[in-house]
Amino acid sequence: MNNQLVRRDIASDRLAMTKGQVLEMVTFNLAGGVSEDHFLAAAEASNGALITLPGFLGRRLAKAADGSWIDIAEWRDAASAQAAGKVFHKLSQAEVFCSMIDTRSIKVSHHQIITAG
C-alpha cells in the first residue's frame, strides 16, 4: 500500500476518534506564596480526581514564560466537560490544587475538536 494512503487513513481514523471531543482550557496564575513544587505535587494528586470523572480522556499542564499556567483537559463531549467543571473543585483529591490558584485570574474556555493530526 502507498505510504501516502496509509498516512491519510491514519489521519482519517484519528479524526473520527476525536470528532465531538472537547478541549477545556483553563488559564490561571498561582495564588501568592504558593511554591511551584507544592503546586506541581498538588496537580499530580488532582489527576486522581480527574480520572474518576465520566468522559475524562487526558490532561496537560503547562507554564508560560510570564509565569501563567494553562491546564488543558480533553473530554469525550461537551456535557462531560460541563459536568466536571461543576464538581472537580469539590473532590478531595483536587481541593489543595484548586486552593493554590488565584481565582481572580481564572479563565475557562471549551473548544470542540474539529481536526486532529
C-alpha atoms as a PDB file:
ATOM      1  CA  MET A   1       0.000   0.000   0.000  1.00  0.00           C
ATOM      2  CA  ASN A   2       1.161   3.522  -0.794  1.00  0.00           C
ATOM      3  CA  ASN A   3       2.654   5.372   2.229  1.00  0.00           C
ATOM      4  CA  GLN A   4       0.630   8.476   1.406  1.00  0.00           C
ATOM      5  CA  LEU A   5      -2.604   6.448   1.510  1.00  0.00           C
ATOM      6  CA  VAL A   6      -1.605   4.883   4.835  1.00  0.00           C
ATOM      7  CA  ARG A   7      -0.938   8.335   6.349  1.00  0.00           C
ATOM      8  CA  ARG A   8      -4.274   9.591   5.021  1.00  0.00           C
ATOM      9  CA  ASP A   9      -6.066   6.574   6.532  1.00  0.00           C
ATOM     10  CA  ILE A  10      -4.378   7.114   9.904  1.00  0.00           C
ATOM     11  CA  ALA A  11      -5.319  10.806   9.888  1.00  0.00           C
ATOM     12  CA  SER A  12      -8.886   9.945   8.935  1.00  0.00           C
ATOM     13  CA  ASP A  13      -9.118   7.367  11.748  1.00  0.00           C
ATOM     14  CA  ARG A  14      -7.704   9.854  14.269  1.00  0.00           C
ATOM     15  CA  LEU A  15     -10.237  12.491  13.224  1.00  0.00           C
ATOM     16  CA  ALA A  16     -13.097  10.006  13.523  1.00  0.00           C
ATOM     17  CA  MET A  17     -11.940   9.065  17.040  1.00  0.00           C
ATOM     18  CA  THR A  18     -11.722  12.684  18.227  1.00  0.00           C
ATOM     19  CA  LYS A  19     -14.718  14.241  16.484  1.00  0.00           C
ATOM     20  CA  GLY A  20     -17.085  15.655  19.079  1.00  0.00           C
ATOM     21  CA  GLN A  21     -14.461  15.644  21.823  1.00  0.00           C
ATOM     22  CA  VAL A  22     -13.823  18.852  23.715  1.00  0.00           C
ATOM     23  CA  LEU A  23     -10.678  20.586  24.912  1.00  0.00           C
ATOM     24  CA  GLU A  24     -11.163  22.519  28.118  1.00  0.00           C
ATOM     25  CA  MET A  25      -8.558  25.242  28.527  1.00  0.00           C
ATOM     26  CA  VAL A  26      -8.119  26.877  31.904  1.00  0.00           C
ATOM     27  CA  THR A  27      -5.587  29.680  32.234  1.00  0.00           C
ATOM     28  CA  PHE A  28      -4.603  30.995  35.645  1.00  0.00           C
ATOM     29  CA  ASN A  29      -1.892  32.294  37.948  1.00  0.00           C
ATOM     30  CA  LEU A  30      -0.819  30.757  41.213  1.00  0.00           C
ATOM     31  CA  ALA A  31      -2.014  32.339  44.436  1.00  0.00           C
ATOM     32  CA  GLY A  32       0.533  34.441  46.300  1.00  0.00           C
ATOM     33  CA  GLY A  33       3.075  32.494  48.324  1.00  0.00           C
ATOM     34  CA  VAL A  34       2.450  29.155  46.579  1.00  0.00           C
ATOM     35  CA  SER A  35       5.647  27.314  45.684  1.00  0.00           C
ATOM     36  CA  GLU A  36       5.799  25.727  42.263  1.00  0.00           C
ATOM     37  CA  ASP A  37       6.986  22.409  43.743  1.00  0.00           C
ATOM     38  CA  HIS A  38       3.980  22.219  46.072  1.00  0.00           C
ATOM     39  CA  PHE A  39       1.662  23.215  43.248  1.00  0.00           C
ATOM     40  CA  LEU A  40       3.024  20.507  40.943  1.00  0.00           C
ATOM     41  CA  ALA A  41       2.605  17.890  43.672  1.00  0.00           C
ATOM     42  CA  ALA A  42      -0.997  19.012  44.172  1.00  0.00           C
ATOM     43  CA  ALA A  43      -1.579  18.950  40.401  1.00  0.00           C
ATOM     44  CA  GLU A  44      -0.323  15.367  40.256  1.00  0.00           C
ATOM     45  CA  ALA A  45      -2.614  14.396  43.146  1.00  0.00           C
ATOM     46  CA  SER A  46      -5.573  16.058  41.419  1.00  0.00           C
ATOM     47  CA  ASN A  47      -5.160  13.672  38.494  1.00  0.00           C
ATOM     48  CA  GLY A  48      -6.712  11.065  40.782  1.00  0.00           C
ATOM     49  CA  ALA A  49      -9.865  13.174  40.893  1.00  0.00           C
ATOM     50  CA  LEU A  50      -9.943  13.728  37.134  1.00  0.00           C
ATOM     51  CA  ILE A  51      -9.736  10.048  36.233  1.00  0.00           C
ATOM     52  CA  THR A  52     -12.897   9.379  38.246  1.00  0.00           C
ATOM     53  CA  LEU A  53     -14.954  11.835  36.210  1.00  0.00           C
ATOM     54  CA  PRO A  54     -17.068  10.443  33.351  1.00  0.00           C
ATOM     55  CA  GLY A  55     -15.772  11.376  29.918  1.00  0.00           C
ATOM     56  CA  PHE A  56     -12.256  12.385  31.015  1.00  0.00           C
ATOM     57  CA  LEU A  57      -9.656  11.472  28.365  1.00  0.00           C
ATOM     58  CA  GLY A  58      -6.448  13.287  29.321  1.00  0.00           C
ATOM     59  CA  ARG A  59      -4.740  16.343  30.719  1.00  0.00           C
ATOM     60  CA  ARG A  60      -1.732  18.582  30.113  1.00  0.00           C
ATOM     61  CA  LEU A  61      -0.458  21.293  32.401  1.00  0.00           C
ATOM     62  CA  ALA A  62       1.926  23.911  31.030  1.00  0.00           C
ATOM     63  CA  LYS A  63       3.613  27.072  32.256  1.00  0.00           C
ATOM     64  CA  ALA A  64       4.277  30.168  30.149  1.00  0.00           C
ATOM     65  CA  ALA A  65       7.395  32.314  30.355  1.00  0.00           C
ATOM     66  CA  ASP A  66       5.363  35.017  32.159  1.00  0.00           C
ATOM     67  CA  GLY A  67       4.537  32.580  34.985  1.00  0.00           C
ATOM     68  CA  SER A  68       0.925  31.973  33.964  1.00  0.00           C
ATOM     69  CA  TRP A  69      -0.381  28.426  33.633  1.00  0.00           C
ATOM     70  CA  ILE A  70      -2.699  26.554  31.287  1.00  0.00           C
ATOM     71  CA  ASP A  71      -4.460  23.336  32.241  1.00  0.00           C
ATOM     72  CA  ILE A  72      -5.815  21.542  29.184  1.00  0.00           C
ATOM     73  CA  ALA A  73      -8.208  18.650  29.718  1.00  0.00           C
ATOM     74  CA  GLU A  74      -9.688  16.543  26.948  1.00  0.00           C
ATOM     75  CA  TRP A  75     -13.256  15.312  27.349  1.00  0.00           C
ATOM     76  CA  ARG A  76     -15.384  12.871  25.381  1.00  0.00           C
ATOM     77  CA  ASP A  77     -18.023  15.569  24.839  1.00  0.00           C
ATOM     78  CA  ALA A  78     -19.208  18.987  25.983  1.00  0.00           C
ATOM     79  CA  ALA A  79     -21.644  17.539  28.527  1.00  0.00           C
ATOM     80  CA  SER A  80     -18.801  15.681  30.278  1.00  0.00           C
ATOM     81  CA  ALA A  81     -16.669  18.840  30.405  1.00  0.00           C
ATOM     82  CA  GLN A  82     -19.531  20.931  31.802  1.00  0.00           C
ATOM     83  CA  ALA A  83     -20.445  18.330  34.437  1.00  0.00           C
ATOM     84  CA  ALA A  84     -16.817  18.008  35.550  1.00  0.00           C
ATOM     85  CA  GLY A  85     -16.487  21.763  35.905  1.00  0.00           C
ATOM     86  CA  LYS A  86     -19.277  21.741  38.473  1.00  0.00           C
ATOM     87  CA  VAL A  87     -17.697  19.135  40.758  1.00  0.00           C
ATOM     88  CA  PHE A  88     -13.914  18.996  40.232  1.00  0.00           C
ATOM     89  CA  HIS A  89     -13.060  21.654  42.840  1.00  0.00           C
ATOM     90  CA  LYS A  90     -15.179  19.795  45.433  1.00  0.00           C
ATOM     91  CA  LEU A  91     -13.367  16.466  45.092  1.00  0.00           C
ATOM     92  CA  SER A  92     -10.951  15.736  47.945  1.00  0.00           C
ATOM     93  CA  GLN A  93      -8.023  14.999  45.619  1.00  0.00           C
ATOM     94  CA  ALA A  94      -8.493  18.367  43.881  1.00  0.00           C
ATOM     95  CA  GLU A  95      -9.142  20.707  46.815  1.00  0.00           C
ATOM     96  CA  VAL A  96      -5.488  21.514  47.552  1.00  0.00           C
ATOM     97  CA  PHE A  97      -4.725  22.048  43.844  1.00  0.00           C
ATOM     98  CA  CYS A  98      -7.669  24.437  43.473  1.00  0.00           C
ATOM     99  CA  SER A  99      -6.750  26.328  46.660  1.00  0.00           C
ATOM    100  CA  MET A 100      -3.334  27.183  45.165  1.00  0.00           C
ATOM    101  CA  ILE A 101      -4.829  29.086  42.231  1.00  0.00           C
ATOM    102  CA  ASP A 102      -5.582  32.812  42.214  1.00  0.00           C
ATOM    103  CA  THR A 103      -9.313  32.562  41.497  1.00  0.00           C
ATOM    104  CA  ARG A 104      -9.405  36.116  40.108  1.00  0.00           C
ATOM    105  CA  SER A 105      -7.074  35.061  37.290  1.00  0.00           C
ATOM    106  CA  ILE A 106      -9.036  32.016  36.088  1.00  0.00           C
ATOM    107  CA  LYS A 107     -10.307  31.973  32.509  1.00  0.00           C
ATOM    108  CA  VAL A 108     -12.087  28.866  31.201  1.00  0.00           C
ATOM    109  CA  SER A 109     -12.952  28.065  27.602  1.00  0.00           C
ATOM    110  CA  HIS A 110     -14.201  24.972  25.807  1.00  0.00           C
ATOM    111  CA  HIS A 111     -13.289  24.082  22.237  1.00  0.00           C
ATOM    112  CA  GLN A 112     -14.775  21.303  20.155  1.00  0.00           C
ATOM    113  CA  ILE A 113     -12.113  19.354  18.290  1.00  0.00           C
ATOM    114  CA  ILE A 114     -12.548  19.880  14.558  1.00  0.00           C
ATOM    115  CA  THR A 115      -9.452  18.180  13.239  1.00  0.00           C
ATOM    116  CA  ALA A 116      -6.635  16.079  14.652  1.00  0.00           C
ATOM    117  CA  GLY A 117      -3.329  15.036  13.198  1.00  0.00           C
END
